[in-house]
N, C-alpha and C. Protein backbone atom coordinates (compact mmCIF):
# COMPACT_ATOMS: atom_id res chain seq x y z
N UNK A 1 111.39 97.01 111.02
CA UNK A 1 111.00 95.71 110.23
C UNK A 1 111.19 96.04 109.03
N UNK A 2 110.42 97.15 108.45
CA UNK A 2 110.22 97.58 107.32
C UNK A 2 111.69 97.57 106.26
N UNK A 3 112.35 98.34 107.00
CA UNK A 3 113.53 99.13 106.60
C UNK A 3 114.72 97.57 106.54
N UNK A 4 114.56 96.99 107.54
CA UNK A 4 115.51 95.71 107.42
C UNK A 4 115.05 94.41 106.20
N UNK A 5 113.71 94.59 105.88
CA UNK A 5 113.20 93.83 104.71
C UNK A 5 113.41 94.41 103.31
N UNK A 6 113.36 95.75 103.71
CA UNK A 6 113.87 96.62 102.14
C UNK A 6 115.21 96.36 101.74
N UNK A 7 116.16 96.53 102.98
CA UNK A 7 117.59 96.20 102.72
C UNK A 7 118.05 95.01 102.41
N UNK A 8 117.49 93.84 102.89
CA UNK A 8 117.55 92.57 102.54
C UNK A 8 117.25 92.44 101.17
N UNK A 9 116.06 93.00 100.62
CA UNK A 9 115.52 92.74 99.31
C UNK A 9 116.50 93.63 98.11
N UNK A 10 117.08 94.76 98.83
CA UNK A 10 117.83 95.37 97.80
C UNK A 10 119.55 94.74 97.73
N UNK A 11 119.55 94.06 98.72
CA UNK A 11 120.75 93.31 99.02
C UNK A 11 120.65 92.10 97.81
N UNK A 12 119.49 91.32 97.99
CA UNK A 12 119.65 90.18 97.28
C UNK A 12 119.36 90.44 95.91
N UNK A 13 118.77 91.64 95.49
CA UNK A 13 118.65 92.12 94.11
C UNK A 13 120.02 92.31 93.55
N UNK A 14 120.77 92.78 94.34
CA UNK A 14 121.98 93.39 93.78
C UNK A 14 123.04 92.23 93.66
N UNK A 15 123.07 91.36 94.61
CA UNK A 15 124.05 90.18 94.58
C UNK A 15 123.73 89.28 93.50
N UNK A 16 122.20 89.31 92.93
CA UNK A 16 121.79 88.44 91.78
C UNK A 16 122.51 89.02 90.76
N UNK A 17 122.59 90.60 90.35
CA UNK A 17 123.05 91.09 89.18
C UNK A 17 124.51 90.93 89.15
N UNK A 18 125.21 90.36 90.09
CA UNK A 18 126.38 90.34 90.27
C UNK A 18 126.99 88.71 89.75
N UNK A 19 126.37 88.30 89.09
CA UNK A 19 126.50 86.66 88.95
C UNK A 19 127.88 86.72 87.89
N UNK A 20 128.84 85.74 88.59
CA UNK A 20 130.10 85.66 87.86
C UNK A 20 131.01 86.63 88.52
N UNK A 21 130.92 87.16 89.40
CA UNK A 21 131.74 88.18 90.28
C UNK A 21 132.43 87.53 91.43
N UNK A 22 133.81 88.08 91.78
CA UNK A 22 134.20 86.98 92.82
C UNK A 22 133.89 87.44 94.09
N UNK A 23 133.91 86.55 95.21
CA UNK A 23 133.06 86.70 96.65
C UNK A 23 133.73 88.10 97.12
N UNK A 24 135.06 88.38 96.79
CA UNK A 24 135.54 89.74 97.29
C UNK A 24 134.67 90.71 96.96
N UNK A 25 134.41 90.67 95.06
CA UNK A 25 133.74 91.73 94.96
C UNK A 25 132.05 92.10 95.48
N UNK A 26 131.57 90.97 95.66
CA UNK A 26 130.12 90.60 96.32
C UNK A 26 130.37 91.24 97.60
N UNK A 27 131.26 90.73 98.34
CA UNK A 27 131.28 91.12 99.80
C UNK A 27 131.49 92.95 99.98
N UNK A 28 132.59 93.55 98.89
CA UNK A 28 132.93 94.86 99.19
C UNK A 28 131.52 95.43 98.54
N UNK A 29 130.80 95.35 97.77
CA UNK A 29 129.37 95.76 97.19
C UNK A 29 128.42 95.67 98.57
N UNK A 30 128.29 94.73 99.17
CA UNK A 30 127.27 94.61 100.08
C UNK A 30 127.76 95.43 101.24
N UNK A 31 128.84 95.38 101.84
CA UNK A 31 129.15 96.21 102.63
C UNK A 31 129.17 97.90 102.66
N UNK A 32 128.60 98.42 101.32
CA UNK A 32 128.45 99.82 100.80
C UNK A 32 126.94 99.83 100.85
N UNK A 33 126.36 99.07 100.75
CA UNK A 33 124.59 99.07 100.52
C UNK A 33 124.06 99.60 102.18
N UNK A 34 123.33 100.87 101.93
CA UNK A 34 122.74 101.86 103.02
C UNK A 34 121.73 102.38 102.38
N UNK A 35 120.52 102.55 103.56
CA UNK A 35 119.35 103.39 103.00
C UNK A 35 119.64 104.80 102.81
N UNK A 36 118.97 105.17 101.78
CA UNK A 36 118.89 106.89 101.14
C UNK A 36 117.66 107.54 102.14
N UNK A 37 116.58 106.58 101.69
CA UNK A 37 115.18 107.06 101.93
C UNK A 37 114.16 106.20 102.45
N UNK A 38 113.32 106.09 103.28
CA UNK A 38 112.27 105.23 103.88
C UNK A 38 110.98 106.20 104.13
N UNK A 39 110.02 105.44 103.45
CA UNK A 39 108.62 106.16 103.77
C UNK A 39 107.51 104.77 104.14
N UNK A 40 107.19 104.79 105.24
CA UNK A 40 106.36 104.14 105.76
C UNK A 40 104.91 104.64 105.95
N UNK A 41 103.73 103.87 105.86
CA UNK A 41 102.70 104.46 105.65
C UNK A 41 102.11 103.34 106.78
N UNK A 42 101.32 103.75 107.80
CA UNK A 42 100.78 103.17 108.78
C UNK A 42 99.20 102.73 108.67
N UNK A 43 98.96 101.70 108.30
CA UNK A 43 97.42 101.81 108.09
C UNK A 43 96.46 101.23 109.01
N UNK A 44 97.06 100.88 110.15
CA UNK A 44 96.19 100.52 111.12
C UNK A 44 97.16 99.63 112.34
N UNK A 45 96.46 99.93 113.72
CA UNK A 45 97.58 99.43 114.94
C UNK A 45 98.00 98.05 114.58
N UNK A 46 99.54 98.19 115.05
CA UNK A 46 100.03 96.69 114.97
C UNK A 46 99.77 95.38 115.73
N UNK A 47 98.41 94.98 115.71
CA UNK A 47 98.01 94.22 116.83
C UNK A 47 98.04 92.69 116.14
N UNK A 48 98.28 92.12 117.10
CA UNK A 48 98.51 90.53 116.50
C UNK A 48 99.89 89.81 117.25
N UNK A 49 99.93 88.26 117.05
CA UNK A 49 100.81 87.70 117.50
C UNK A 49 101.93 87.03 116.86
N UNK A 50 102.00 87.60 115.54
CA UNK A 50 103.05 87.28 114.72
C UNK A 50 102.83 88.06 113.35
N UNK A 51 103.91 88.27 113.12
CA UNK A 51 103.81 89.48 111.62
C UNK A 51 104.82 88.84 110.80
N UNK A 52 104.51 89.16 109.35
CA UNK A 52 105.20 88.80 107.98
C UNK A 52 105.58 90.09 107.42
N UNK A 53 106.59 90.14 107.26
CA UNK A 53 107.02 91.21 106.61
C UNK A 53 107.67 90.61 105.08
N UNK A 54 107.01 91.57 103.97
CA UNK A 54 108.00 91.08 102.30
C UNK A 54 107.92 91.96 101.63
N UNK A 55 109.08 92.05 100.61
CA UNK A 55 109.49 93.12 99.78
C UNK A 55 109.88 92.48 98.71
N UNK A 56 109.52 93.35 97.71
CA UNK A 56 109.65 93.38 96.20
C UNK A 56 110.54 94.46 95.70
N UNK A 57 111.31 94.19 94.97
CA UNK A 57 112.46 95.18 94.22
C UNK A 57 111.50 95.97 93.13
N UNK A 58 111.47 97.06 93.03
CA UNK A 58 110.81 98.04 92.28
C UNK A 58 111.58 98.15 90.79
N UNK A 59 112.99 98.63 91.25
CA UNK A 59 114.08 98.79 90.39
C UNK A 59 115.36 98.70 90.82
N UNK A 60 116.03 98.08 90.36
CA UNK A 60 117.56 97.87 90.89
C UNK A 60 118.49 98.36 89.66
N UNK A 61 119.25 99.60 89.96
CA UNK A 61 120.23 100.27 89.02
C UNK A 61 121.64 99.70 89.18
N UNK A 62 122.67 100.59 88.71
CA UNK A 62 124.02 100.46 89.26
C UNK A 62 124.31 101.10 90.50
N UNK A 63 123.62 102.27 90.85
CA UNK A 63 123.92 102.70 92.13
C UNK A 63 122.62 102.78 93.27
N UNK A 64 121.43 102.76 92.70
CA UNK A 64 120.22 102.99 93.48
C UNK A 64 119.35 101.48 93.35
N UNK A 65 118.87 100.92 94.65
CA UNK A 65 117.63 100.14 94.41
C UNK A 65 116.76 100.44 95.19
N UNK A 66 115.17 100.69 94.41
CA UNK A 66 113.98 100.85 94.88
C UNK A 66 113.24 99.71 95.37
N UNK A 67 112.65 99.45 96.80
CA UNK A 67 111.86 98.65 97.16
C UNK A 67 110.42 98.92 97.51
N UNK A 68 109.78 97.64 97.52
CA UNK A 68 108.50 98.27 98.42
C UNK A 68 108.58 97.18 99.28
N UNK A 69 107.68 97.37 100.53
CA UNK A 69 107.68 96.60 101.37
C UNK A 69 106.04 96.55 102.27
N UNK A 70 105.84 95.16 102.69
CA UNK A 70 104.63 94.98 103.43
C UNK A 70 104.69 94.36 104.69
N UNK A 71 103.79 95.07 105.66
CA UNK A 71 103.87 94.28 106.89
C UNK A 71 102.36 93.85 107.25
N UNK A 72 102.35 92.20 107.50
CA UNK A 72 101.07 92.02 107.78
C UNK A 72 100.95 91.26 109.17
N UNK A 73 99.78 90.83 109.46
CA UNK A 73 99.64 90.18 110.68
C UNK A 73 99.41 88.72 110.35
N UNK A 74 99.07 87.91 111.51
CA UNK A 74 99.23 86.37 111.19
C UNK A 74 97.53 86.22 110.35
N UNK A 75 96.84 87.12 110.53
CA UNK A 75 95.37 86.88 109.80
C UNK A 75 95.68 87.35 108.20
N UNK A 76 96.68 87.81 107.88
CA UNK A 76 97.05 88.65 106.87
C UNK A 76 96.57 89.73 106.65
N UNK A 77 95.96 90.70 107.72
CA UNK A 77 95.76 91.90 107.60
C UNK A 77 96.80 93.02 107.63
N UNK A 78 96.64 93.85 106.24
CA UNK A 78 97.45 94.71 105.87
C UNK A 78 97.86 95.79 107.21
N UNK A 79 98.96 95.89 107.91
CA UNK A 79 99.36 96.72 109.20
C UNK A 79 99.88 98.09 108.30
N UNK A 80 101.21 98.04 107.51
CA UNK A 80 101.80 98.85 106.78
C UNK A 80 102.36 98.66 105.77
N UNK A 81 102.98 99.53 104.87
CA UNK A 81 103.29 99.53 103.77
C UNK A 81 104.45 100.34 103.74
N UNK A 82 105.42 100.36 103.00
CA UNK A 82 106.44 101.47 102.73
C UNK A 82 107.27 101.35 101.55
N UNK A 83 108.05 102.14 101.00
CA UNK A 83 109.12 102.22 100.23
C UNK A 83 110.35 102.49 100.62
N UNK A 84 111.59 101.92 100.05
CA UNK A 84 112.76 102.31 100.48
C UNK A 84 113.52 102.36 99.25
N UNK A 85 114.73 103.39 99.51
CA UNK A 85 115.60 103.53 98.22
C UNK A 85 116.98 103.37 98.95
N UNK A 86 117.70 102.45 98.69
CA UNK A 86 119.02 102.20 99.22
C UNK A 86 120.07 102.29 98.12
N UNK A 87 121.35 102.74 98.72
CA UNK A 87 122.53 102.89 97.58
C UNK A 87 123.06 101.73 97.69
N UNK A 88 123.37 101.06 96.52
CA UNK A 88 123.92 99.64 96.24
C UNK A 88 125.30 99.87 95.60
N UNK A 89 125.93 101.07 94.97
CA UNK A 89 126.67 101.03 94.20
C UNK A 89 127.84 102.13 94.74
């Protein structure tokens, strides 16, 4: 779940930086995005009935995007955190 959140976050950041590019150029760039490194720190057991995963961009460059992700249960209890590095160019 954290990898997916990080990938979507990196993709959204990359698309936002491509303002003014054609749809074909944006689609071509999206197809090239992939995970380079993923680090997850499990803080407690994943107990709950619903979970929320959020992501933020630490930095997006021309080639690489670094994201930070969090996973919480329905009570807001922090279950895991992670960082992901994604190739975006």
